[in-house]
Amino acid sequence: MVLENKKDYLWFTSWEITLKIENRIIGGLCFKGCPDKKGRVEIAYEMQDECRCKGYMTEAVIELINWAFTQEKVLSVIAETEKNNLPSHRVLEKIGMEKYEEKEKMFWWRINKI
């Protein structure tokens, strides 16, 4: 994908979350491709279990979304979570995302550019 979209490589880049005090990677996040024709871009993220519920992912997702909203083509950021992934639900709720769709095992979340 990156080779096909060299000018848009940031939409295909995985960003690592580093715990500076221990100099180790504790998680990561990314966009799942370029914004679509409706201006939506999807995010994904993961965090090591022992580092959950400490605010690290909330901080990282806020910064990722803030950057996305500086991009002209982005009108909204979306995310998909498993229904039983409560830590992920809390992250998205804290940053102001709202559930907008429910599937059998998944919730879809969205936040719009203001």
C-alpha atoms as a PDB file:
ATOM      1  CA  MET A   1       0.000   0.000   0.000  1.00  0.00           C
ATOM      2  CA  VAL A   2       2.720   2.493   0.924  1.00  0.00           C
ATOM      3  CA  LEU A   3       4.559   1.980  -2.357  1.00  0.00           C
ATOM      4  CA  GLU A   4       1.326   2.709  -4.219  1.00  0.00           C
ATOM      5  CA  ASN A   5       0.638   5.835  -2.108  1.00  0.00           C
ATOM      6  CA  LYS A   6       4.046   7.356  -1.394  1.00  0.00           C
ATOM      7  CA  LYS A   7       2.685  10.858  -0.812  1.00  0.00           C
ATOM      8  CA  ASP A   8       0.132   9.463   1.658  1.00  0.00           C
ATOM      9  CA  TYR A   9       2.521   7.210   3.586  1.00  0.00           C
ATOM     10  CA  LEU A  10       1.499   8.630   6.985  1.00  0.00           C
ATOM     11  CA  TRP A  11      -1.936   7.032   6.587  1.00  0.00           C
ATOM     12  CA  PHE A  12      -0.174   3.644   6.435  1.00  0.00           C
ATOM     13  CA  THR A  13       2.375   4.213   9.213  1.00  0.00           C
ATOM     14  CA  SER A  14       2.263   2.392  12.546  1.00  0.00           C
ATOM     15  CA  TRP A  15       3.110   4.681  15.468  1.00  0.00           C
ATOM     16  CA  GLU A  16       4.698   3.161  18.560  1.00  0.00           C
ATOM     17  CA  ILE A  17       3.871   4.296  22.083  1.00  0.00           C
ATOM     18  CA  THR A  18       6.996   4.341  24.216  1.00  0.00           C
ATOM     19  CA  LEU A  19       7.115   4.484  27.990  1.00  0.00           C
ATOM     20  CA  LYS A  20      10.059   6.872  28.263  1.00  0.00           C
ATOM     21  CA  ILE A  21      10.916   6.147  31.892  1.00  0.00           C
ATOM     22  CA  GLU A  22      11.518   2.477  30.980  1.00  0.00           C
ATOM     23  CA  ASN A  23      12.549   3.058  27.347  1.00  0.00           C
ATOM     24  CA  ARG A  24      10.196   0.363  26.072  1.00  0.00           C
ATOM     25  CA  ILE A  25       7.362   0.097  23.605  1.00  0.00           C
ATOM     26  CA  ILE A  26       4.010  -0.451  25.322  1.00  0.00           C
ATOM     27  CA  GLY A  27       1.594  -0.118  22.427  1.00  0.00           C
ATOM     28  CA  GLY A  28       0.895   1.265  19.022  1.00  0.00           C
ATOM     29  CA  LEU A  29      -1.682   2.945  16.853  1.00  0.00           C
ATOM     30  CA  CYS A  30      -2.304   3.674  13.208  1.00  0.00           C
ATOM     31  CA  PHE A  31      -4.713   4.805  10.562  1.00  0.00           C
ATOM     32  CA  LYS A  32      -6.134   1.977   8.479  1.00  0.00           C
ATOM     33  CA  GLY A  33      -5.571   3.777   5.201  1.00  0.00           C
ATOM     34  CA  CYS A  34      -6.311   7.122   3.584  1.00  0.00           C
ATOM     35  CA  PRO A  35      -9.533   9.032   4.222  1.00  0.00           C
ATOM     36  CA  ASP A  36     -12.403   7.704   2.104  1.00  0.00           C
ATOM     37  CA  LYS A  37     -14.585   9.766  -0.243  1.00  0.00           C
ATOM     38  CA  LYS A  38     -16.800  10.785   2.698  1.00  0.00           C
ATOM     39  CA  GLY A  39     -13.795  12.129   4.613  1.00  0.00           C
ATOM     40  CA  ARG A  40     -13.709   9.243   7.103  1.00  0.00           C
ATOM     41  CA  VAL A  41     -10.494   7.699   8.321  1.00  0.00           C
ATOM     42  CA  GLU A  42     -10.351   4.640  10.560  1.00  0.00           C
ATOM     43  CA  ILE A  43      -7.952   4.201  13.464  1.00  0.00           C
ATOM     44  CA  ALA A  44      -6.706   1.075  15.214  1.00  0.00           C
ATOM     45  CA  TYR A  45      -4.635   0.659  18.359  1.00  0.00           C
ATOM     46  CA  GLU A  46      -3.281  -1.831  20.866  1.00  0.00           C
ATOM     47  CA  MET A  47      -1.778  -1.625  24.334  1.00  0.00           C
ATOM     48  CA  GLN A  48       0.076  -4.156  26.474  1.00  0.00           C
ATOM     49  CA  ASP A  49      -2.239  -5.485  29.170  1.00  0.00           C
ATOM     50  CA  GLU A  50      -0.149  -4.251  32.101  1.00  0.00           C
ATOM     51  CA  CYS A  51      -0.232  -0.697  30.706  1.00  0.00           C
ATOM     52  CA  ARG A  52      -3.998  -0.430  30.294  1.00  0.00           C
ATOM     53  CA  CYS A  53      -6.141   1.899  32.413  1.00  0.00           C
ATOM     54  CA  LYS A  54      -3.295   4.390  32.902  1.00  0.00           C
ATOM     55  CA  GLY A  55      -4.323   6.966  30.307  1.00  0.00           C
ATOM     56  CA  TYR A  56      -1.529   6.241  27.825  1.00  0.00           C
ATOM     57  CA  MET A  57      -3.820   5.164  24.996  1.00  0.00           C
ATOM     58  CA  THR A  58      -6.279   7.986  25.602  1.00  0.00           C
ATOM     59  CA  GLU A  59      -3.433  10.495  25.294  1.00  0.00           C
ATOM     60  CA  ALA A  60      -2.094   8.842  22.140  1.00  0.00           C
ATOM     61  CA  VAL A  61      -5.485   8.575  20.421  1.00  0.00           C
ATOM     62  CA  ILE A  62      -6.252  12.231  21.180  1.00  0.00           C
ATOM     63  CA  GLU A  63      -3.009  13.272  19.473  1.00  0.00           C
ATOM     64  CA  LEU A  64      -3.633  10.999  16.483  1.00  0.00           C
ATOM     65  CA  ILE A  65      -7.135  12.433  16.013  1.00  0.00           C
ATOM     66  CA  ASN A  66      -5.928  16.007  16.504  1.00  0.00           C
ATOM     67  CA  TRP A  67      -3.380  15.464  13.740  1.00  0.00           C
ATOM     68  CA  ALA A  68      -5.991  13.843  11.477  1.00  0.00           C
ATOM     69  CA  PHE A  69      -8.283  16.842  11.860  1.00  0.00           C
ATOM     70  CA  THR A  70      -5.513  19.143  10.617  1.00  0.00           C
ATOM     71  CA  GLN A  71      -5.694  17.301   7.299  1.00  0.00           C
ATOM     72  CA  GLU A  72      -8.051  18.899   4.799  1.00  0.00           C
ATOM     73  CA  LYS A  73      -9.607  15.630   3.574  1.00  0.00           C
ATOM     74  CA  VAL A  74     -10.589  14.357   7.043  1.00  0.00           C
ATOM     75  CA  LEU A  75     -14.122  15.095   8.263  1.00  0.00           C
ATOM     76  CA  SER A  76     -14.477  12.284  10.798  1.00  0.00           C
ATOM     77  CA  VAL A  77     -12.453   9.590  12.536  1.00  0.00           C
ATOM     78  CA  ILE A  78     -13.988   6.164  13.082  1.00  0.00           C
ATOM     79  CA  ALA A  79     -13.031   3.076  15.068  1.00  0.00           C
ATOM     80  CA  GLU A  80     -14.331  -0.466  15.426  1.00  0.00           C
ATOM     81  CA  THR A  81     -14.274  -2.354  18.733  1.00  0.00           C
ATOM     82  CA  GLU A  82     -15.386  -5.755  19.890  1.00  0.00           C
ATOM     83  CA  LYS A  83     -18.446  -5.478  22.110  1.00  0.00           C
ATOM     84  CA  ASN A  84     -16.615  -7.025  25.066  1.00  0.00           C
ATOM     85  CA  ASN A  85     -13.542  -4.755  24.850  1.00  0.00           C
ATOM     86  CA  LEU A  86     -14.490  -2.416  27.697  1.00  0.00           C
ATOM     87  CA  PRO A  87     -11.054  -0.741  28.042  1.00  0.00           C
ATOM     88  CA  SER A  88     -11.253   0.305  24.392  1.00  0.00           C
ATOM     89  CA  HIS A  89     -14.808   1.572  24.856  1.00  0.00           C
ATOM     90  CA  ARG A  90     -13.608   3.738  27.752  1.00  0.00           C
ATOM     91  CA  VAL A  91     -10.813   5.237  25.653  1.00  0.00           C
ATOM     92  CA  LEU A  92     -13.211   6.189  22.874  1.00  0.00           C
ATOM     93  CA  GLU A  93     -15.849   7.528  25.256  1.00  0.00           C
ATOM     94  CA  LYS A  94     -13.260   9.674  27.087  1.00  0.00           C
ATOM     95  CA  ILE A  95     -12.188  11.348  23.872  1.00  0.00           C
ATOM     96  CA  GLY A  96     -15.748  12.095  22.814  1.00  0.00           C
ATOM     97  CA  MET A  97     -16.430   9.368  20.274  1.00  0.00           C
ATOM     98  CA  GLU A  98     -19.988   8.090  20.008  1.00  0.00           C
ATOM     99  CA  LYS A  99     -21.289   4.679  18.979  1.00  0.00           C
ATOM    100  CA  TYR A 100     -23.103   4.992  15.681  1.00  0.00           C
ATOM    101  CA  GLU A 101     -23.499   1.395  14.543  1.00  0.00           C
ATOM    102  CA  GLU A 102     -23.808  -2.020  16.133  1.00  0.00           C
ATOM    103  CA  LYS A 103     -23.097  -5.324  14.444  1.00  0.00           C
ATOM    104  CA  GLU A 104     -23.270  -8.844  15.841  1.00  0.00           C
ATOM    105  CA  LYS A 105     -19.922  -8.708  17.670  1.00  0.00           C
ATOM    106  CA  MET A 106     -18.737  -5.158  17.021  1.00  0.00           C
ATOM    107  CA  PHE A 107     -19.471  -1.514  17.758  1.00  0.00           C
ATOM    108  CA  TRP A 108     -18.558   1.308  15.370  1.00  0.00           C
ATOM    109  CA  TRP A 109     -17.544   4.671  16.858  1.00  0.00           C
ATOM    110  CA  ARG A 110     -17.188   8.137  15.326  1.00  0.00           C
ATOM    111  CA  ILE A 111     -16.040  11.649  16.120  1.00  0.00           C
ATOM    112  CA  ASN A 112     -16.588  14.500  13.670  1.00  0.00           C
ATOM    113  CA  LYS A 113     -14.372  17.446  12.908  1.00  0.00           C
ATOM    114  CA  ILE A 114     -15.807  20.618  14.365  1.00  0.00           C
END
